All heavy atoms as atom14 arrays in JSON, in Angstrom:
{
  "sequence": "ASGKLTTLQYLNWSDGAQPFAGLVLGTDGNY",
  "atom14_mask": [
    [1, 1, 1, 1, 1, 0, 0, 0, 0, 0, 0, 0, 0, 0],
    [1, 1, 1, 1, 1, 1, 0, 0, 0, 0, 0, 0, 0, 0],
    [1, 1, 1, 1, 0, 0, 0, 0, 0, 0, 0, 0, 0, 0],
    [1, 1, 1, 1, 1, 1, 1, 1, 1, 0, 0, 0, 0, 0],
    [1, 1, 1, 1, 1, 1, 1, 1, 0, 0, 0, 0, 0, 0],
    [1, 1, 1, 1, 1, 1, 1, 0, 0, 0, 0, 0, 0, 0],
    [1, 1, 1, 1, 1, 1, 1, 0, 0, 0, 0, 0, 0, 0],
    [1, 1, 1, 1, 1, 1, 1, 1, 0, 0, 0, 0, 0, 0],
    [1, 1, 1, 1, 1, 1, 1, 1, 1, 0, 0, 0, 0, 0],
    [1, 1, 1, 1, 1, 1, 1, 1, 1, 1, 1, 1, 0, 0],
    [1, 1, 1, 1, 1, 1, 1, 1, 0, 0, 0, 0, 0, 0],
    [1, 1, 1, 1, 1, 1, 1, 1, 0, 0, 0, 0, 0, 0],
    [1, 1, 1, 1, 1, 1, 1, 1, 1, 1, 1, 1, 1, 1],
    [1, 1, 1, 1, 1, 1, 0, 0, 0, 0, 0, 0, 0, 0],
    [1, 1, 1, 1, 1, 1, 1, 1, 0, 0, 0, 0, 0, 0],
    [1, 1, 1, 1, 0, 0, 0, 0, 0, 0, 0, 0, 0, 0],
    [1, 1, 1, 1, 1, 0, 0, 0, 0, 0, 0, 0, 0, 0],
    [1, 1, 1, 1, 1, 1, 1, 1, 1, 0, 0, 0, 0, 0],
    [1, 1, 1, 1, 1, 1, 1, 0, 0, 0, 0, 0, 0, 0],
    [1, 1, 1, 1, 1, 1, 1, 1, 1, 1, 1, 0, 0, 0],
    [1, 1, 1, 1, 1, 0, 0, 0, 0, 0, 0, 0, 0, 0],
    [1, 1, 1, 1, 0, 0, 0, 0, 0, 0, 0, 0, 0, 0],
    [1, 1, 1, 1, 1, 1, 1, 1, 0, 0, 0, 0, 0, 0],
    [1, 1, 1, 1, 1, 1, 1, 0, 0, 0, 0, 0, 0, 0],
    [1, 1, 1, 1, 1, 1, 1, 1, 0, 0, 0, 0, 0, 0],
    [1, 1, 1, 1, 0, 0, 0, 0, 0, 0, 0, 0, 0, 0],
    [1, 1, 1, 1, 1, 1, 1, 0, 0, 0, 0, 0, 0, 0],
    [1, 1, 1, 1, 1, 1, 1, 1, 0, 0, 0, 0, 0, 0],
    [1, 1, 1, 1, 0, 0, 0, 0, 0, 0, 0, 0, 0, 0],
    [1, 1, 1, 1, 1, 1, 1, 1, 0, 0, 0, 0, 0, 0],
    [1, 1, 1, 1, 1, 1, 1, 1, 1, 1, 1, 1, 0, 0]
  ],
  "atom14_positions": [
    [[-14.58, -0.22, -10.02], [-14.54, -1.58, -9.49], [-14.23, -2.6, -10.58], [-13.8, -3.72, -10.28], [-15.86, -1.92, -8.82], [0.0, 0.0, 0.0], [0.0, 0.0, 0.0], [0.0, 0.0, 0.0], [0.0, 0.0, 0.0], [0.0, 0.0, 0.0], [0.0, 0.0, 0.0], [0.0, 0.0, 0.0], [0.0, 0.0, 0.0], [0.0, 0.0, 0.0]],
    [[-14.4, -2.2, -11.84], [-14.09, -3.1, -12.95], [-12.67, -2.9, -13.48], [-12.23, -3.63, -14.36], [-15.09, -2.9, -14.09], [-15.04, -1.57, -14.58], [0.0, 0.0, 0.0], [0.0, 0.0, 0.0], [0.0, 0.0, 0.0], [0.0, 0.0, 0.0], [0.0, 0.0, 0.0], [0.0, 0.0, 0.0], [0.0, 0.0, 0.0], [0.0, 0.0, 0.0]],
    [[-11.96, -1.87, -12.99], [-10.55, -1.72, -13.34], [-10.19, -0.59, -14.28], [-9.04, -0.51, -14.71], [0.0, 0.0, 0.0], [0.0, 0.0, 0.0], [0.0, 0.0, 0.0], [0.0, 0.0, 0.0], [0.0, 0.0, 0.0], [0.0, 0.0, 0.0], [0.0, 0.0, 0.0], [0.0, 0.0, 0.0], [0.0, 0.0, 0.0], [0.0, 0.0, 0.0]],
    [[-11.1, 0.32, -14.57], [-10.77, 1.45, -15.43], [-10.1, 2.54, -14.6], [-10.72, 3.13, -13.71], [-12.01, 2.0, -16.12], [-11.71, 3.17, -17.06], [-12.96, 3.72, -17.71], [-12.64, 4.9, -18.61], [-13.86, 5.47, -19.25], [0.0, 0.0, 0.0], [0.0, 0.0, 0.0], [0.0, 0.0, 0.0], [0.0, 0.0, 0.0], [0.0, 0.0, 0.0]],
    [[-8.83, 2.83, -14.89], [-8.04, 3.78, -14.1], [-7.95, 5.13, -14.8], [-7.73, 5.2, -16.01], [-6.64, 3.24, -13.83], [-5.78, 4.11, -12.91], [-5.1, 3.28, -11.84], [-4.72, 4.87, -13.72], [0.0, 0.0, 0.0], [0.0, 0.0, 0.0], [0.0, 0.0, 0.0], [0.0, 0.0, 0.0], [0.0, 0.0, 0.0], [0.0, 0.0, 0.0]],
    [[-8.11, 6.2, -14.02], [-7.94, 7.57, -14.5], [-6.96, 8.29, -13.58], [-7.14, 8.28, -12.36], [-9.27, 8.34, -14.5], [-10.21, 7.64, -15.3], [-9.09, 9.74, -15.03], [0.0, 0.0, 0.0], [0.0, 0.0, 0.0], [0.0, 0.0, 0.0], [0.0, 0.0, 0.0], [0.0, 0.0, 0.0], [0.0, 0.0, 0.0], [0.0, 0.0, 0.0]],
    [[-5.92, 8.88, -14.14], [-4.97, 9.66, -13.35], [-5.56, 11.04, -13.12], [-5.87, 11.77, -14.06], [-3.61, 9.78, -14.06], [-3.11, 8.47, -14.3], [-2.62, 10.54, -13.19], [0.0, 0.0, 0.0], [0.0, 0.0, 0.0], [0.0, 0.0, 0.0], [0.0, 0.0, 0.0], [0.0, 0.0, 0.0], [0.0, 0.0, 0.0], [0.0, 0.0, 0.0]],
    [[-5.72, 11.42, -11.86], [-6.29, 12.72, -11.51], [-5.22, 13.8, -11.38], [-5.48, 14.96, -11.67], [-7.06, 12.62, -10.19], [-8.24, 11.65, -10.16], [-8.84, 11.61, -8.76], [-9.29, 12.04, -11.18], [0.0, 0.0, 0.0], [0.0, 0.0, 0.0], [0.0, 0.0, 0.0], [0.0, 0.0, 0.0], [0.0, 0.0, 0.0], [0.0, 0.0, 0.0]],
    [[-4.03, 13.41, -10.93], [-2.98, 14.4, -10.7], [-1.62, 13.75, -10.8], [-1.38, 12.68, -10.22], [-3.15, 15.03, -9.3], [-2.12, 16.08, -8.93], [-2.36, 17.41, -9.62], [-3.43, 17.61, -10.18], [-1.41, 18.3, -9.56], [0.0, 0.0, 0.0], [0.0, 0.0, 0.0], [0.0, 0.0, 0.0], [0.0, 0.0, 0.0], [0.0, 0.0, 0.0]],
    [[-0.72, 14.39, -11.55], [0.69, 14.03, -11.53], [1.38, 14.97, -10.55], [1.39, 16.18, -10.76], [1.31, 14.17, -12.93], [0.72, 13.23, -13.94], [-0.23, 13.67, -14.86], [1.12, 11.9, -14.0], [-0.77, 12.81, -15.81], [0.59, 11.02, -14.95], [-0.35, 11.49, -15.84], [-0.9, 10.63, -16.77], [0.0, 0.0, 0.0], [0.0, 0.0, 0.0]],
    [[1.95, 14.43, -9.49], [2.54, 15.28, -8.45], [3.88, 15.84, -8.9], [4.58, 15.25, -9.73], [2.7, 14.49, -7.16], [1.4, 13.95, -6.54], [1.69, 13.24, -5.23], [0.4, 15.07, -6.32], [0.0, 0.0, 0.0], [0.0, 0.0, 0.0], [0.0, 0.0, 0.0], [0.0, 0.0, 0.0], [0.0, 0.0, 0.0], [0.0, 0.0, 0.0]],
    [[4.26, 16.99, -8.32], [5.56, 17.59, -8.59], [6.19, 18.01, -7.28], [5.53, 18.09, -6.24], [5.42, 18.79, -9.54], [4.53, 19.87, -8.97], [4.88, 20.54, -8.02], [3.34, 20.03, -9.55], [0.0, 0.0, 0.0], [0.0, 0.0, 0.0], [0.0, 0.0, 0.0], [0.0, 0.0, 0.0], [0.0, 0.0, 0.0], [0.0, 0.0, 0.0]],
    [[7.48, 18.29, -7.33], [8.23, 18.53, -6.1], [7.73, 19.74, -5.32], [7.68, 19.72, -4.09], [9.71, 18.69, -6.41], [10.55, 18.75, -5.16], [11.0, 19.85, -4.5], [10.99, 17.63, -4.38], [11.7, 19.51, -3.38], [11.72, 18.15, -3.28], [10.86, 16.25, -4.52], [12.3, 17.33, -2.32], [11.44, 15.43, -3.57], [12.15, 15.98, -2.49]],
    [[7.33, 20.79, -5.99], [6.96, 22.01, -5.28], [5.67, 21.83, -4.49], [5.52, 22.39, -3.39], [6.81, 23.18, -6.26], [5.8, 22.9, -7.22], [0.0, 0.0, 0.0], [0.0, 0.0, 0.0], [0.0, 0.0, 0.0], [0.0, 0.0, 0.0], [0.0, 0.0, 0.0], [0.0, 0.0, 0.0], [0.0, 0.0, 0.0], [0.0, 0.0, 0.0]],
    [[4.72, 21.04, -5.01], [3.47, 20.82, -4.29], [3.57, 19.69, -3.28], [2.83, 19.65, -2.3], [2.34, 20.48, -5.27], [1.88, 21.69, -6.06], [2.09, 22.82, -5.58], [1.31, 21.5, -7.14], [0.0, 0.0, 0.0], [0.0, 0.0, 0.0], [0.0, 0.0, 0.0], [0.0, 0.0, 0.0], [0.0, 0.0, 0.0], [0.0, 0.0, 0.0]],
    [[4.48, 18.77, -3.51], [4.61, 17.6, -2.66], [4.85, 16.36, -3.51], [4.32, 16.24, -4.62], [0.0, 0.0, 0.0], [0.0, 0.0, 0.0], [0.0, 0.0, 0.0], [0.0, 0.0, 0.0], [0.0, 0.0, 0.0], [0.0, 0.0, 0.0], [0.0, 0.0, 0.0], [0.0, 0.0, 0.0], [0.0, 0.0, 0.0], [0.0, 0.0, 0.0]],
    [[5.65, 15.45, -3.0], [6.05, 14.29, -3.78], [6.14, 13.05, -2.89], [6.29, 13.14, -1.69], [7.42, 14.55, -4.44], [0.0, 0.0, 0.0], [0.0, 0.0, 0.0], [0.0, 0.0, 0.0], [0.0, 0.0, 0.0], [0.0, 0.0, 0.0], [0.0, 0.0, 0.0], [0.0, 0.0, 0.0], [0.0, 0.0, 0.0], [0.0, 0.0, 0.0]],
    [[6.07, 11.89, -3.53], [6.14, 10.59, -2.86], [5.08, 10.44, -1.75], [5.38, 10.4, -0.55], [7.54, 10.34, -2.28], [8.56, 9.94, -3.3], [9.49, 11.08, -3.7], [9.72, 11.99, -2.94], [10.02, 11.01, -4.91], [0.0, 0.0, 0.0], [0.0, 0.0, 0.0], [0.0, 0.0, 0.0], [0.0, 0.0, 0.0], [0.0, 0.0, 0.0]],
    [[3.8, 10.32, -2.14], [2.75, 10.1, -1.15], [2.66, 8.63, -0.74], [1.96, 7.84, -1.36], [1.49, 10.54, -1.9], [1.79, 10.26, -3.34], [3.27, 10.5, -3.51], [0.0, 0.0, 0.0], [0.0, 0.0, 0.0], [0.0, 0.0, 0.0], [0.0, 0.0, 0.0], [0.0, 0.0, 0.0], [0.0, 0.0, 0.0], [0.0, 0.0, 0.0]],
    [[3.39, 8.28, 0.3], [3.3, 6.91, 0.83], [1.92, 6.65, 1.42], [1.45, 5.52, 1.45], [4.39, 6.66, 1.89], [5.72, 6.3, 1.31], [6.61, 7.29, 0.95], [6.07, 4.98, 1.1], [7.86, 6.96, 0.41], [7.3, 4.65, 0.56], [8.19, 5.64, 0.21], [0.0, 0.0, 0.0], [0.0, 0.0, 0.0], [0.0, 0.0, 0.0]],
    [[1.29, 7.71, 1.92], [-0.03, 7.57, 2.51], [-1.11, 7.57, 1.45], [-0.94, 8.14, 0.37], [-0.27, 8.72, 3.5], [0.0, 0.0, 0.0], [0.0, 0.0, 0.0], [0.0, 0.0, 0.0], [0.0, 0.0, 0.0], [0.0, 0.0, 0.0], [0.0, 0.0, 0.0], [0.0, 0.0, 0.0], [0.0, 0.0, 0.0], [0.0, 0.0, 0.0]],
    [[-2.24, 6.96, 1.76], [-3.4, 7.03, 0.91], [-4.19, 8.29, 1.18], [-3.74, 9.21, 1.89], [0.0, 0.0, 0.0], [0.0, 0.0, 0.0], [0.0, 0.0, 0.0], [0.0, 0.0, 0.0], [0.0, 0.0, 0.0], [0.0, 0.0, 0.0], [0.0, 0.0, 0.0], [0.0, 0.0, 0.0], [0.0, 0.0, 0.0], [0.0, 0.0, 0.0]],
    [[-5.38, 8.36, 0.64], [-6.26, 9.5, 0.8], [-7.29, 9.22, 1.89], [-7.61, 8.07, 2.18], [-6.99, 9.8, -0.51], [-6.12, 10.09, -1.74], [-6.97, 10.07, -3.0], [-5.42, 11.43, -1.58], [0.0, 0.0, 0.0], [0.0, 0.0, 0.0], [0.0, 0.0, 0.0], [0.0, 0.0, 0.0], [0.0, 0.0, 0.0], [0.0, 0.0, 0.0]],
    [[-7.82, 10.29, 2.47], [-8.96, 10.18, 3.37], [-10.04, 11.12, 2.86], [-9.76, 12.24, 2.44], [-8.56, 10.5, 4.83], [-8.02, 11.91, 4.97], [-9.76, 10.31, 5.76], [0.0, 0.0, 0.0], [0.0, 0.0, 0.0], [0.0, 0.0, 0.0], [0.0, 0.0, 0.0], [0.0, 0.0, 0.0], [0.0, 0.0, 0.0], [0.0, 0.0, 0.0]],
    [[-11.29, 10.65, 2.85], [-12.4, 11.45, 2.37], [-12.94, 12.28, 3.52], [-13.44, 11.74, 4.51], [-13.49, 10.55, 1.8], [-14.72, 11.24, 1.21], [-14.34, 12.16, 0.05], [-15.75, 10.2, 0.74], [0.0, 0.0, 0.0], [0.0, 0.0, 0.0], [0.0, 0.0, 0.0], [0.0, 0.0, 0.0], [0.0, 0.0, 0.0], [0.0, 0.0, 0.0]],
    [[-12.81, 13.6, 3.42], [-13.27, 14.49, 4.48], [-14.77, 14.69, 4.42], [-15.44, 14.36, 3.43], [0.0, 0.0, 0.0], [0.0, 0.0, 0.0], [0.0, 0.0, 0.0], [0.0, 0.0, 0.0], [0.0, 0.0, 0.0], [0.0, 0.0, 0.0], [0.0, 0.0, 0.0], [0.0, 0.0, 0.0], [0.0, 0.0, 0.0], [0.0, 0.0, 0.0]],
    [[-15.34, 15.27, 5.49], [-16.78, 15.48, 5.55], [-17.25, 16.57, 4.61], [-18.46, 16.74, 4.41], [-17.2, 15.83, 6.99], [-16.37, 16.88, 7.5], [-17.06, 14.62, 7.9], [0.0, 0.0, 0.0], [0.0, 0.0, 0.0], [0.0, 0.0, 0.0], [0.0, 0.0, 0.0], [0.0, 0.0, 0.0], [0.0, 0.0, 0.0], [0.0, 0.0, 0.0]],
    [[-16.32, 17.33, 4.01], [-16.7, 18.32, 3.0], [-16.73, 17.73, 1.6], [-16.96, 18.45, 0.62], [-15.74, 19.51, 3.04], [-14.29, 19.13, 2.82], [-14.02, 17.91, 2.67], [-13.42, 20.02, 2.8], [0.0, 0.0, 0.0], [0.0, 0.0, 0.0], [0.0, 0.0, 0.0], [0.0, 0.0, 0.0], [0.0, 0.0, 0.0], [0.0, 0.0, 0.0]],
    [[-16.49, 16.43, 1.47], [-16.51, 15.77, 0.17], [-15.21, 15.82, -0.58], [-15.1, 15.26, -1.69], [0.0, 0.0, 0.0], [0.0, 0.0, 0.0], [0.0, 0.0, 0.0], [0.0, 0.0, 0.0], [0.0, 0.0, 0.0], [0.0, 0.0, 0.0], [0.0, 0.0, 0.0], [0.0, 0.0, 0.0], [0.0, 0.0, 0.0], [0.0, 0.0, 0.0]],
    [[-14.17, 16.44, -0.01], [-12.86, 16.5, -0.64], [-11.94, 15.44, -0.04], [-12.17, 14.94, 1.07], [-12.24, 17.89, -0.44], [-13.03, 18.97, -1.16], [-13.5, 18.78, -2.26], [-13.19, 20.1, -0.49], [0.0, 0.0, 0.0], [0.0, 0.0, 0.0], [0.0, 0.0, 0.0], [0.0, 0.0, 0.0], [0.0, 0.0, 0.0], [0.0, 0.0, 0.0]],
    [[-10.89, 15.11, -0.79], [-9.9, 14.16, -0.32], [-8.71, 14.9, 0.29], [-8.31, 15.96, -0.2], [-9.4, 13.27, -1.47], [-10.45, 12.33, -2.0], [-11.13, 12.62, -3.18], [-10.76, 11.15, -1.33], [-12.1, 11.75, -3.68], [-11.72, 10.29, -1.82], [-12.39, 10.59, -2.99], [-13.35, 9.74, -3.47], [0.0, 0.0, 0.0], [0.0, 0.0, 0.0]]
  ]
}
């Protein structure tokens, strides 16, 4: 909330690219 950013994943073409959508937090605690 104070602005410290951490990159969790750099996407690549084979896994998927250009995520126009945001994330949703599932009930298992994963995004």
